[in-house]
Structure formats: C-alpha cells, structure tokens
PDB file of N, CA and C in Angstrom:
ATOM      1  N   UNK A   1     286.657   1.716  88.247  1.00  0.00           N
ATOM      2  CA  UNK A   1     286.640   1.339  86.604  1.00  0.00           C
ATOM      3  C   UNK A   1     285.629  -0.016  86.511  1.00  0.00           C
ATOM      4  N   UNK A   2     284.806   0.176  85.870  1.00  0.00           N
ATOM      5  CA  UNK A   2     284.011  -1.324  85.533  1.00  0.00           C
ATOM      6  C   UNK A   2     284.547  -2.323  85.161  1.00  0.00           C
ATOM      7  N   UNK A   3     283.977  -3.529  85.219  1.00  0.00           N
ATOM      8  CA  UNK A   3     284.891  -4.630  84.239  1.00  0.00           C
ATOM      9  C   UNK A   3     284.572  -4.645  82.858  1.00  0.00           C
ATOM     10  N   UNK A   4     283.563  -3.885  82.127  1.00  0.00           N
ATOM     11  CA  UNK A   4     283.327  -3.307  80.496  1.00  0.00           C
ATOM     12  C   UNK A   4     284.604  -2.934  80.585  1.00  0.00           C
ATOM     13  N   UNK A   5     284.955  -1.032  81.308  1.00  0.00           N
ATOM     14  CA  UNK A   5     285.639  -0.943  80.661  1.00  0.00           C
ATOM     15  C   UNK A   5     287.348  -0.990  81.110  1.00  0.00           C
ATOM     16  N   UNK A   6     287.279  -2.219  81.868  1.00  0.00           N
ATOM     17  CA  UNK A   6     288.572  -2.702  82.041  1.00  0.00           C
ATOM     18  C   UNK A   6     288.869  -3.718  80.760  1.00  0.00           C
ATOM     19  N   UNK A   7     287.780  -4.406  80.256  1.00  0.00           N
ATOM     20  CA  UNK A   7     287.702  -5.478  79.121  1.00  0.00           C
ATOM     21  C   UNK A   7     288.072  -4.013  77.639  1.00  0.00           C
ATOM     22  N   UNK A   8     287.501  -2.952  77.652  1.00  0.00           N
ATOM     23  CA  UNK A   8     288.083  -2.302  76.593  1.00  0.00           C
ATOM     24  C   UNK A   8     289.514  -1.800  76.337  1.00  0.00           C
ATOM     25  N   UNK A   9     289.758  -1.618  77.782  1.00  0.00           N
ATOM     26  CA  UNK A   9     291.412  -1.146  78.180  1.00  0.00           C
ATOM     27  C   UNK A   9     292.483  -2.262  77.137  1.00  0.00           C
ATOM     28  N   UNK A  10     291.951  -3.254  77.186  1.00  0.00           N
ATOM     29  CA  UNK A  10     292.603  -4.458  76.553  1.00  0.00           C
ATOM     30  C   UNK A  10     292.732  -4.504  75.171  1.00  0.00           C
ATOM     31  N   UNK A  11     291.870  -3.595  74.311  1.00  0.00           N
ATOM     32  CA  UNK A  11     291.715  -3.866  72.836  1.00  0.00           C
ATOM     33  C   UNK A  11     292.606  -3.413  72.177  1.00  0.00           C
ATOM     34  N   UNK A  12     293.231  -3.803  71.220  1.00  0.00           N
ATOM     35  CA  UNK A  12     294.140  -3.766  70.346  1.00  0.00           C
ATOM     36  C   UNK A  12     295.375  -3.440  71.061  1.00  0.00           C
ATOM     37  N   UNK A  13     296.160  -3.659  71.948  1.00  0.00           N
ATOM     38  CA  UNK A  13     297.235  -4.065  72.937  1.00  0.00           C
ATOM     39  C   UNK A  13     297.727  -5.335  72.584  1.00  0.00           C
ATOM     40  N   UNK A  14     299.212  -5.316  73.055  1.00  0.00           N
ATOM     41  CA  UNK A  14     299.404  -6.663  73.331  1.00  0.00           C
ATOM     42  C   UNK A  14     299.810  -6.225  74.824  1.00  0.00           C
ATOM     43  N   UNK A  15     298.743  -7.358  75.413  1.00  0.00           N
ATOM     44  CA  UNK A  15     299.300  -7.867  76.583  1.00  0.00           C
ATOM     45  C   UNK A  15     299.933  -8.846  77.061  1.00  0.00           C
ATOM     46  N   UNK A  16     300.140  -8.848  78.300  1.00  0.00           N
ATOM     47  CA  UNK A  16     300.650 -10.336  79.015  1.00  0.00           C
ATOM     48  C   UNK A  16     299.713 -10.734  80.360  1.00  0.00           C
ATOM     49  N   UNK A  17     299.041 -11.813  79.334  1.00  0.00           N
ATOM     50  CA  UNK A  17     297.952 -12.321  80.329  1.00  0.00           C
ATOM     51  C   UNK A  17     298.128 -13.025  81.634  1.00  0.00           C
ATOM     52  N   UNK A  18     299.071 -13.573  81.857  1.00  0.00           N
ATOM     53  CA  UNK A  18     299.861 -13.570  83.539  1.00  0.00           C
ATOM     54  C   UNK A  18     299.178 -12.630  84.101  1.00  0.00           C
ATOM     55  N   UNK A  19     300.407 -11.515  83.820  1.00  0.00           N
ATOM     56  CA  UNK A  19     300.808 -10.305  84.744  1.00  0.00           C
ATOM     57  C   UNK A  19     299.299  -9.460  84.268  1.00  0.00           C
ATOM     58  N   UNK A  20     298.173  -9.634  83.884  1.00  0.00           N
ATOM     59  CA  UNK A  20     296.766  -9.098  84.440  1.00  0.00           C
ATOM     60  C   UNK A  20     296.043  -9.365  85.822  1.00  0.00           C
ATOM     61  N   UNK A  21     296.482  -9.879  86.309  1.00  0.00           N
ATOM     62  CA  UNK A  21     295.949 -10.528  87.341  1.00  0.00           C
ATOM     63  C   UNK A  21     296.828 -10.983  88.192  1.00  0.00           C
ATOM     64  N   UNK A  22     297.150 -10.591  89.554  1.00  0.00           N
ATOM     65  CA  UNK A  22     297.663 -11.270  90.996  1.00  0.00           C
ATOM     66  C   UNK A  22     297.359 -11.879  91.641  1.00  0.00           C
ATOM     67  N   UNK A  23     298.128 -13.091  92.225  1.00  0.00           N
ATOM     68  CA  UNK A  23     297.909 -13.642  93.353  1.00  0.00           C
ATOM     69  C   UNK A  23     297.176 -13.309  94.360  1.00  0.00           C
ATOM     70  N   UNK A  24     296.615 -13.671  95.549  1.00  0.00           N
ATOM     71  CA  UNK A  24     296.263 -13.244  96.928  1.00  0.00           C
ATOM     72  C   UNK A  24     296.428 -14.605  97.426  1.00  0.00           C
ATOM     73  N   UNK A  25     296.530 -14.411  98.523  1.00  0.00           N
ATOM     74  CA  UNK A  25     297.127 -15.360 100.153  1.00  0.00           C
ATOM     75  C   UNK A  25     295.882 -16.143 100.201  1.00  0.00           C
ATOM     76  N   UNK A  26     295.447 -17.460  99.933  1.00  0.00           N
ATOM     77  CA  UNK A  26     294.396 -18.325 100.919  1.00  0.00           C
ATOM     78  C   UNK A  26     293.274 -18.088  99.554  1.00  0.00           C
ATOM     79  N   UNK A  27     293.450 -17.446  98.356  1.00  0.00           N
ATOM     80  CA  UNK A  27     292.241 -17.459  97.270  1.00  0.00           C
ATOM     81  C   UNK A  27     292.000 -17.565  96.056  1.00  0.00           C
ATOM     82  N   UNK A  28     291.062 -17.281  95.407  1.00  0.00           N
ATOM     83  CA  UNK A  28     290.920 -17.747  93.978  1.00  0.00           C
ATOM     84  C   UNK A  28     290.465 -16.681  93.409  1.00  0.00           C
ATOM     85  N   UNK A  29     291.567 -15.789  92.518  1.00  0.00           N
ATOM     86  CA  UNK A  29     291.177 -14.501  91.937  1.00  0.00           C
ATOM     87  C   UNK A  29     290.459 -14.733  90.287  1.00  0.00           C
ATOM     88  N   UNK A  30     289.634 -13.874  90.001  1.00  0.00           N
ATOM     89  CA  UNK A  30     289.703 -14.221  88.313  1.00  0.00           C
ATOM     90  C   UNK A  30     289.266 -12.972  87.440  1.00  0.00           C
ATOM     91  N   UNK A  31     289.222 -12.561  86.602  1.00  0.00           N
ATOM     92  CA  UNK A  31     288.705 -11.714  85.902  1.00  0.00           C
ATOM     93  C   UNK A  31     288.320 -11.921  84.044  1.00  0.00           C
ATOM     94  N   UNK A  32     286.993 -11.687  83.759  1.00  0.00           N
ATOM     95  CA  UNK A  32     286.543 -11.671  82.905  1.00  0.00           C
ATOM     96  C   UNK A  32     287.615 -10.611  81.574  1.00  0.00           C
ATOM     97  N   UNK A  33     287.838 -11.346  80.409  1.00  0.00           N
ATOM     98  CA  UNK A  33     288.805 -11.120  79.873  1.00  0.00           C
ATOM     99  C   UNK A  33     287.472 -10.575  78.425  1.00  0.00           C
ATOM    100  N   UNK A  34     286.668 -11.241  77.889  1.00  0.00           N
ATOM    101  CA  UNK A  34     285.996 -11.179  77.106  1.00  0.00           C
ATOM    102  C   UNK A  34     284.709 -12.151  77.188  1.00  0.00           C
ATOM    103  N   UNK A  35     283.533 -11.426  77.130  1.00  0.00           N
ATOM    104  CA  UNK A  35     282.355 -12.330  77.477  1.00  0.00           C
ATOM    105  C   UNK A  35     280.902 -11.835  76.113  1.00  0.00           C
ATOM    106  N   UNK A  36     281.189 -12.747  75.313  1.00  0.00           N
ATOM    107  CA  UNK A  36     280.009 -12.614  74.291  1.00  0.00           C
ATOM    108  C   UNK A  36     279.186 -13.860  74.161  1.00  0.00           C
ATOM    109  N   UNK A  37     278.256 -14.043  73.375  1.00  0.00           N
ATOM    110  CA  UNK A  37     277.454 -14.730  73.288  1.00  0.00           C
ATOM    111  C   UNK A  37     278.139 -16.390  72.834  1.00  0.00           C
ATOM    112  N   UNK A  38     278.782 -16.090  72.001  1.00  0.00           N
ATOM    113  CA  UNK A  38     279.753 -17.377  71.433  1.00  0.00           C
ATOM    114  C   UNK A  38     280.840 -18.175  72.551  1.00  0.00           C
ATOM    115  N   UNK A  39     281.225 -17.455  74.082  1.00  0.00           N
ATOM    116  CA  UNK A  39     281.850 -17.718  74.750  1.00  0.00           C
ATOM    117  C   UNK A  39     282.488 -16.714  75.954  1.00  0.00           C
ATOM    118  N   UNK A  40     283.273 -17.770  76.597  1.00  0.00           N
ATOM    119  CA  UNK A  40     283.662 -16.315  77.367  1.00  0.00           C
ATOM    120  C   UNK A  40     285.899 -16.503  77.441  1.00  0.00           C
ATOM    121  N   UNK A  41     286.003 -15.166  77.522  1.00  0.00           N
ATOM    122  CA  UNK A  41     287.724 -16.164  77.962  1.00  0.00           C
ATOM    123  C   UNK A  41     287.686 -15.363  79.868  1.00  0.00           C
ATOM    124  N   UNK A  42     288.065 -16.392  80.870  1.00  0.00           N
ATOM    125  CA  UNK A  42     288.703 -15.801  81.825  1.00  0.00           C
ATOM    126  C   UNK A  42     289.516 -15.941  82.742  1.00  0.00           C
ATOM    127  N   UNK A  43     290.686 -15.162  83.089  1.00  0.00           N
ATOM    128  CA  UNK A  43     291.880 -15.340  83.834  1.00  0.00           C
ATOM    129  C   UNK A  43     291.499 -15.862  85.222  1.00  0.00           C
ATOM    130  N   UNK A  44     291.930 -16.589  85.972  1.00  0.00           N
ATOM    131  CA  UNK A  44     292.295 -17.103  87.420  1.00  0.00           C
ATOM    132  C   UNK A  44     293.735 -17.246  87.402  1.00  0.00           C
ATOM    133  N   UNK A  45     293.813 -16.632  89.151  1.00  0.00           N
ATOM    134  CA  UNK A  45     294.951 -17.191  89.872  1.00  0.00           C
ATOM    135  C   UNK A  45     294.535 -17.797  90.983  1.00  0.00           C
ATOM    136  N   UNK A  46     295.002 -19.203  91.276  1.00  0.00           N
ATOM    137  CA  UNK A  46     294.858 -19.788  92.094  1.00  0.00           C
ATOM    138  C   UNK A  46     296.021 -19.578  93.723  1.00  0.00           C
ATOM    139  N   UNK A  47     295.653 -19.621  94.568  1.00  0.00           N
ATOM    140  CA  UNK A  47     296.849 -19.853  95.108  1.00  0.00           C
ATOM    141  C   UNK A  47     297.142 -21.106  95.734  1.00  0.00           C
ATOM    142  N   UNK A  48     298.332 -21.231  96.407  1.00  0.00           N
ATOM    143  CA  UNK A  48     298.527 -22.858  96.481  1.00  0.00           C
ATOM    144  C   UNK A  48     297.898 -23.609  97.179  1.00  0.00           C
ATOM    145  N   UNK A  49     297.189 -24.779  96.756  1.00  0.00           N
ATOM    146  CA  UNK A  49     296.011 -25.612  98.021  1.00  0.00           C
ATOM    147  C   UNK A  49     294.558 -25.106  97.548  1.00  0.00           C
ATOM    148  N   UNK A  50     294.642 -23.977  96.363  1.00  0.00           N
ATOM    149  CA  UNK A  50     293.287 -23.412  95.992  1.00  0.00           C
ATOM    150  C   UNK A  50     292.574 -24.279  95.030  1.00  0.00           C
ATOM    151  N   UNK A  51     291.134 -24.390  95.151  1.00  0.00           N
ATOM    152  CA  UNK A  51     290.659 -25.343  93.653  1.00  0.00           C
ATOM    153  C   UNK A  51     289.280 -24.863  93.287  1.00  0.00           C
ATOM    154  N   UNK A  52     289.063 -25.395  92.417  1.00  0.00           N
ATOM    155  CA  UNK A  52     287.523 -25.601  92.336  1.00  0.00           C
ATOM    156  C   UNK A  52     287.091 -27.235  92.144  1.00  0.00           C
ATOM    157  N   UNK A  53     285.769 -27.646  93.422  1.00  0.00           N
ATOM    158  CA  UNK A  53     285.481 -28.303  93.866  1.00  0.00           C
ATOM    159  C   UNK A  53     284.911 -29.155  91.866  1.00  0.00           C
ATOM    160  N   UNK A  54     284.234 -30.408  92.222  1.00  0.00           N
ATOM    161  CA  UNK A  54     283.821 -31.098  90.467  1.00  0.00           C
ATOM    162  C   UNK A  54     282.958 -30.697  90.255  1.00  0.00           C
ATOM    163  N   UNK A  55     282.745 -30.113  89.438  1.00  0.00           N
ATOM    164  CA  UNK A  55     281.331 -29.763  88.461  1.00  0.00           C
ATOM    165  C   UNK A  55     281.553 -29.948  87.026  1.00  0.00           C
ATOM    166  N   UNK A  56     280.331 -29.611  86.658  1.00  0.00           N
ATOM    167  CA  UNK A  56     280.408 -29.511  85.087  1.00  0.00           C
ATOM    168  C   UNK A  56     279.761 -28.794  83.771  1.00  0.00           C
ATOM    169  N   UNK A  57     280.175 -28.251  82.852  1.00  0.00           N
ATOM    170  CA  UNK A  57     279.686 -26.833  82.334  1.00  0.00           C
ATOM    171  C   UNK A  57     279.206 -27.681  81.018  1.00  0.00           C
ATOM    172  N   UNK A  58     278.555 -26.825  80.644  1.00  0.00           N
ATOM    173  CA  UNK A  58     277.588 -27.278  79.596  1.00  0.00           C
ATOM    174  C   UNK A  58     278.153 -27.219  77.768  1.00  0.00           C
ATOM    175  N   UNK A  59     279.129 -26.698  78.060  1.00  0.00           N
ATOM    176  CA  UNK A  59     280.054 -26.287  77.180  1.00  0.00           C
ATOM    177  C   UNK A  59     281.337 -26.835  77.171  1.00  0.00           C
ATOM    178  N   UNK A  60     282.331 -26.737  75.776  1.00  0.00           N
ATOM    179  CA  UNK A  60     283.720 -27.384  75.976  1.00  0.00           C
ATOM    180  C   UNK A  60     284.234 -26.183  76.349  1.00  0.00           C
ATOM    181  N   UNK A  61     284.990 -26.571  77.344  1.00  0.00           N
ATOM    182  CA  UNK A  61     286.239 -25.832  77.982  1.00  0.00           C
ATOM    183  C   UNK A  61     287.617 -25.999  77.504  1.00  0.00           C
ATOM    184  N   UNK A  62     288.373 -25.085  77.419  1.00  0.00           N
ATOM    185  CA  UNK A  62     289.593 -25.011  77.556  1.00  0.00           C
ATOM    186  C   UNK A  62     290.630 -24.498  78.330  1.00  0.00           C
ATOM    187  N   UNK A  63     291.550 -24.822  79.244  1.00  0.00           N
ATOM    188  CA  UNK A  63     292.593 -23.975  80.317  1.00  0.00           C
ATOM    189  C   UNK A  63     293.589 -24.061  79.376  1.00  0.00           C
ATOM    190  N   UNK A  64     293.725 -22.830  79.536  1.00  0.00           N
ATOM    191  CA  UNK A  64     295.939 -22.927  78.988  1.00  0.00           C
ATOM    192  C   UNK A  64     296.286 -22.277  80.572  1.00  0.00           C
ATOM    193  N   UNK A  65     297.191 -23.336  80.834  1.00  0.00           N
ATOM    194  CA  UNK A  65     297.896 -22.637  81.871  1.00  0.00           C
ATOM    195  C   UNK A  65     299.269 -21.617  81.854  1.00  0.00           C
ATOM    196  N   UNK A  66     298.929 -20.810  82.558  1.00  0.00           N
ATOM    197  CA  UNK A  66     300.098 -19.504  82.133  1.00  0.00           C
ATOM    198  C   UNK A  66     301.353 -19.157  83.183  1.00  0.00           C
ATOM    199  N   UNK A  67     301.689 -20.262  83.995  1.00  0.00           N
ATOM    200  CA  UNK A  67     301.962 -19.773  85.237  1.00  0.00           C
ATOM    201  C   UNK A  67     301.981 -21.083  86.359  1.00  0.00           C
ATOM    202  N   UNK A  68     302.772 -21.427  86.853  1.00  0.00           N
ATOM    203  CA  UNK A  68     302.490 -22.501  88.293  1.00  0.00           C
ATOM    204  C   UNK A  68     302.256 -23.781  87.868  1.00  0.00           C
ATOM    205  N   UNK A  69     302.019 -24.728  88.660  1.00  0.00           N
ATOM    206  CA  UNK A  69     301.581 -25.992  88.219  1.00  0.00           C
ATOM    207  C   UNK A  69     299.899 -26.435  89.088  1.00  0.00           C
ATOM    208  N   UNK A  70     298.752 -27.352  88.059  1.00  0.00           N
ATOM    209  CA  UNK A  70     297.913 -27.590  89.262  1.00  0.00           C
ATOM    210  C   UNK A  70     297.877 -29.341  88.454  1.00  0.00           C
ATOM    211  N   UNK A  71     296.573 -29.780  89.460  1.00  0.00           N
ATOM    212  CA  UNK A  71     296.125 -31.114  88.910  1.00  0.00           C
ATOM    213  C   UNK A  71     294.965 -30.283  88.596  1.00  0.00           C
ATOM    214  N   UNK A  72     294.141 -30.969  87.294  1.00  0.00           N
ATOM    215  CA  UNK A  72     292.569 -30.962  87.019  1.00  0.00           C
ATOM    216  C   UNK A  72     292.429 -32.289  86.669  1.00  0.00           C
ATOM    217  N   UNK A  73     291.418 -32.789  87.382  1.00  0.00           N
ATOM    218  CA  UNK A  73     290.654 -33.983  87.444  1.00  0.00           C
ATOM    219  C   UNK A  73     289.537 -34.148  86.225  1.00  0.00           C
ATOM    220  N   UNK A  74     289.900 -34.894  85.423  1.00  0.00           N
ATOM    221  CA  UNK A  74     288.325 -34.738  84.099  1.00  0.00           C
ATOM    222  C   UNK A  74     287.964 -36.385  84.345  1.00  0.00           C
ATOM    223  N   UNK A  75     286.627 -36.308  84.467  1.00  0.00           N
ATOM    224  CA  UNK A  75     285.593 -37.634  84.286  1.00  0.00           C
ATOM    225  C   UNK A  75     287.243 -38.531  85.445  1.00  0.00           C
ATOM    226  N   UNK A  76     287.508 -38.032  86.122  1.00  0.00           N
ATOM    227  CA  UNK A  76     288.183 -39.343  87.647  1.00  0.00           C
ATOM    228  C   UNK A  76     289.586 -39.340  87.249  1.00  0.00           C
ATOM    229  N   UNK A  77     290.058 -38.916  85.951  1.00  0.00           N
ATOM    230  CA  UNK A  77     291.380 -39.017  85.365  1.00  0.00           C
ATOM    231  C   UNK A  77     292.162 -37.695  86.005  1.00  0.00           C
ATOM    232  N   UNK A  78     293.437 -37.828  86.829  1.00  0.00           N
ATOM    233  CA  UNK A  78     293.838 -36.492  87.063  1.00  0.00           C
ATOM    234  C   UNK A  78     295.128 -36.456  86.229  1.00  0.00           C
ATOM    235  N   UNK A  79     295.237 -34.904  85.901  1.00  0.00           N
ATOM    236  CA  UNK A  79     296.516 -34.528  84.558  1.00  0.00           C
ATOM    237  C   UNK A  79     297.278 -33.619  85.414  1.00  0.00           C
ATOM    238  N   UNK A  80     298.410 -33.326  85.404  1.00  0.00           N
ATOM    239  CA  UNK A  80     299.014 -32.258  86.109  1.00  0.00           C
ATOM    240  C   UNK A  80     299.305 -31.336  84.886  1.00  0.00           C
ATOM    241  N   UNK A  81     299.250 -30.049  84.624  1.00  0.00           N
ATOM    242  CA  UNK A  81     299.144 -29.356  83.640  1.00  0.00           C
ATOM    243  C   UNK A  81     300.275 -27.948  84.509  1.00  0.00           C
ATOM    244  N   UNK A  82     301.024 -27.969  83.602  1.00  0.00           N
ATOM    245  CA  UNK A  82     302.335 -26.830  83.764  1.00  0.00           C
ATOM    246  C   UNK A  82     302.442 -24.996  82.924  1.00  0.00           C
ATOM    247  N   UNK A  83     302.794 -24.472  83.112  1.00  0.00           N
ATOM    248  CA  UNK A  83     302.958 -23.532  82.332  1.00  0.00           C
ATOM    249  C   UNK A  83     302.728 -23.859  80.629  1.00  0.00           C
ATOM    250  N   UNK A  84     302.133 -23.162  79.864  1.00  0.00           N
ATOM    251  CA  UNK A  84     302.285 -23.706  78.474  1.00  0.00           C
ATOM    252  C   UNK A  84     300.888 -25.075  77.908  1.00  0.00           C
ATOM    253  N   UNK A  85     300.813 -25.443  78.888  1.00  0.00           N
ATOM    254  CA  UNK A  85     300.013 -26.507  78.513  1.00  0.00           C
ATOM    255  C   UNK A  85     298.659 -26.239  78.026  1.00  0.00           C
ATOM    256  N   UNK A  86     298.203 -27.171  77.570  1.00  0.00           N
ATOM    257  CA  UNK A  86     296.820 -27.020  77.327  1.00  0.00           C
ATOM    258  C   UNK A  86     295.998 -28.466  77.826  1.00  0.00           C
ATOM    259  N   UNK A  87     294.753 -27.856  78.084  1.00  0.00           N
ATOM    260  CA  UNK A  87     293.823 -29.067  78.423  1.00  0.00           C
ATOM    261  C   UNK A  87     292.269 -28.672  77.541  1.00  0.00           C
ATOM    262  N   UNK A  88     291.746 -29.550  76.758  1.00  0.00           N
ATOM    263  CA  UNK A  88     290.593 -29.298  76.546  1.00  0.00           C
ATOM    264  C   UNK A  88     289.304 -30.462  77.031  1.00  0.00           C
ATOM    265  N   UNK A  89     288.556 -29.759  77.935  1.00  0.00           N
ATOM    266  CA  UNK A  89     287.442 -30.339  78.822  1.00  0.00           C
ATOM    267  C   UNK A  89     286.337 -30.119  78.019  1.00  0.00           C
ATOM    268  N   UNK A  90     286.004 -31.473  77.919  1.00  0.00           N
ATOM    269  CA  UNK A  90     284.396 -31.584  76.888  1.00  0.00           C
ATOM    270  C   UNK A  90     283.426 -31.267  77.632  1.00  0.00           C
ATOM    271  N   UNK A  91     282.317 -30.812  77.160  1.00  0.00           N
ATOM    272  CA  UNK A  91     280.477 -30.806  77.952  1.00  0.00           C
ATOM    273  C   UNK A  91     280.401 -31.665  78.554  1.00  0.00           C
ATOM    274  N   UNK A  92     279.573 -31.210  79.906  1.00  0.00           N
ATOM    275  CA  UNK A  92     279.094 -32.053  80.771  1.00  0.00           C
ATOM    276  C   UNK A  92     279.774 -33.789  80.998  1.00  0.00           C
ATOM    277  N   UNK A  93     281.386 -33.212  81.286  1.00  0.00           N
ATOM    278  CA  UNK A  93     282.382 -33.923  82.015  1.00  0.00           C
ATOM    279  C   UNK A  93     282.673 -33.762  83.443  1.00  0.00           C
ATOM    280  N   UNK A  94     282.540 -34.129  84.053  1.00  0.00           N
ATOM    281  CA  UNK A  94     282.757 -33.497  85.396  1.00  0.00           C
ATOM    282  C   UNK A  94     284.191 -33.257  85.388  1.00  0.00           C
ATOM    283  N   UNK A  95     284.954 -32.098  85.973  1.00  0.00           N
ATOM    284  CA  UNK A  95     286.264 -31.631  86.037  1.00  0.00           C
ATOM    285  C   UNK A  95     286.328 -30.902  87.551  1.00  0.00           C
ATOM    286  N   UNK A  96     287.609 -30.815  87.852  1.00  0.00           N
ATOM    287  CA  UNK A  96     287.877 -30.518  89.236  1.00  0.00           C
ATOM    288  C   UNK A  96     289.565 -29.733  88.854  1.00  0.00           C
ATOM    289  N   UNK A  97     290.249 -28.473  89.681  1.00  0.00           N
ATOM    290  CA  UNK A  97     291.075 -28.019  89.519  1.00  0.00           C
ATOM    291  C   UNK A  97     291.723 -27.892  91.237  1.00  0.00           C
ATOM    292  N   UNK A  98     293.101 -28.104  91.174  1.00  0.00           N
ATOM    293  CA  UNK A  98     293.709 -28.070  92.821  1.00  0.00           C
ATOM    294  C   UNK A  98     294.928 -27.456  92.438  1.00  0.00           C
ATOM    295  N   UNK A  99     295.274 -26.084  93.029  1.00  0.00           N
ATOM    296  CA  UNK A  99     296.764 -26.310  92.238  1.00  0.00           C
ATOM    297  C   UNK A  99     297.387 -26.491  93.573  1.00  0.00           C
ATOM    298  N   UNK A 100     299.150 -26.974  92.755  1.00  0.00           N
ATOM    299  CA  UNK A 100     299.585 -26.973  93.854  1.00  0.00           C
ATOM    300  C   UNK A 100     300.900 -26.805  93.722  1.00  0.00           C
ATOM    301  N   UNK A 101     301.017 -25.776  93.175  1.00  0.00           N
ATOM    302  CA  UNK A 101     301.985 -24.384  93.292  1.00  0.00           C
ATOM    303  C   UNK A 101     300.576 -23.057  93.289  1.00  0.00           C
ATOM    304  N   UNK A 102     301.169 -21.985  93.526  1.00  0.00           N
ATOM    305  CA  UNK A 102     300.499 -20.476  92.914  1.00  0.00           C
ATOM    306  C   UNK A 102     300.423 -21.120  91.154  1.00  0.00           C
ATOM    307  N   UNK A 103     299.087 -20.940  90.750  1.00  0.00           N
ATOM    308  CA  UNK A 103     298.872 -21.112  89.066  1.00  0.00           C
ATOM    309  C   UNK A 103     297.994 -20.292  88.701  1.00  0.00           C
ATOM    310  N   UNK A 104     297.986 -19.754  87.381  1.00  0.00           N
ATOM    311  CA  UNK A 104     297.368 -19.047  86.541  1.00  0.00           C
ATOM    312  C   UNK A 104     297.079 -19.782  85.588  1.00  0.00           C
ATOM    313  N   UNK A 105     295.771 -19.920  85.337  1.00  0.00           N
ATOM    314  CA  UNK A 105     295.262 -20.241  83.907  1.00  0.00           C
ATOM    315  C   UNK A 105     294.177 -19.468  83.221  1.00  0.00           C
ATOM    316  N   UNK A 106     294.474 -19.095  81.684  1.00  0.00           N
ATOM    317  CA  UNK A 106     293.118 -18.942  81.119  1.00  0.00           C
ATOM    318  C   UNK A 106     292.079 -19.934  80.583  1.00  0.00           C
ATOM    319  N   UNK A 107     290.899 -19.614  81.433  1.00  0.00           N
ATOM    320  CA  UNK A 107     289.900 -20.417  80.953  1.00  0.00           C
ATOM    321  C   UNK A 107     288.875 -19.977  79.655  1.00  0.00           C
ATOM    322  N   UNK A 108     289.083 -20.576  78.578  1.00  0.00           N
ATOM    323  CA  UNK A 108     288.547 -20.286  77.314  1.00  0.00           C
ATOM    324  C   UNK A 108     287.193 -21.323  77.272  1.00  0.00           C
ATOM    325  N   UNK A 109     286.237 -20.831  77.124  1.00  0.00           N
ATOM    326  CA  UNK A 109     284.393 -21.439  77.399  1.00  0.00           C
ATOM    327  C   UNK A 109     283.870 -21.226  75.885  1.00  0.00           C
ATOM    328  N   UNK A 110     283.737 -22.486  75.179  1.00  0.00           N
ATOM    329  CA  UNK A 110     283.003 -21.947  73.791  1.00  0.00           C
ATOM    330  C   UNK A 110     281.853 -22.712  73.976  1.00  0.00           C
ATOM    331  N   UNK A 111     280.934 -21.517  73.609  1.00  0.00           N
ATOM    332  CA  UNK A 111     279.173 -22.200  73.290  1.00  0.00           C
ATOM    333  C   UNK A 111     279.213 -22.600  71.970  1.00  0.00           C
TER     334      UNK A 111
END
C-alpha cells in the first residue's frame, strides 16, 4: 500500500494516533499522516535512547507527546515531555529530541 493510500484510509475515521505506529528496537520509525502545502503531520516512535540530533526547521513545529517520555532541547534549554504534553518550537531555533523511554509523538509542522 502506498503512503498516499495509507493516508486516505484514515479520512473520516476516528483513530488512536499512538496505535498507528509500532516501536522498533533500536530505531526511530515515522509515518506521515498529512502532507499539504500549508504543513505536515508526522507520527514518530523512538525506542529508548534514540533521538534526533540538533537541527533547525524553517517553520514553527509543535510536538504533541502520545506515549512515554523524552527530553527536547530547544535553543539550549532542555524540557522533559510526557504523554499529553505539547511543546511549540519556533522556526529557526535549534532543537533536538532524545527518548528517555520508548516515546511516541505527533509532529505538526506549520508553513
């Protein structure tokens, strides 16, 4: 099934976001939920200890934690996020993610 077909099957349905993606040992898994000119929705599942190194993005990004815990460093300041937490990361600010437990998040990128 193509990525587009996988997105289409979600339209008009109530779904559990955390259940759409499984953890993989020693890895980071992602799934694009929406990819539009105005922004994207991407699910991530990080195994414990996995992360994304410091980088910047040209658009604002919102992290919504769905499961587990992670440390997100934003412009040098570390914050712990847990299930139900949200963090808005402004455009062009350096940020990094490191999962302290298996961790799932929804990343909302607004262009």
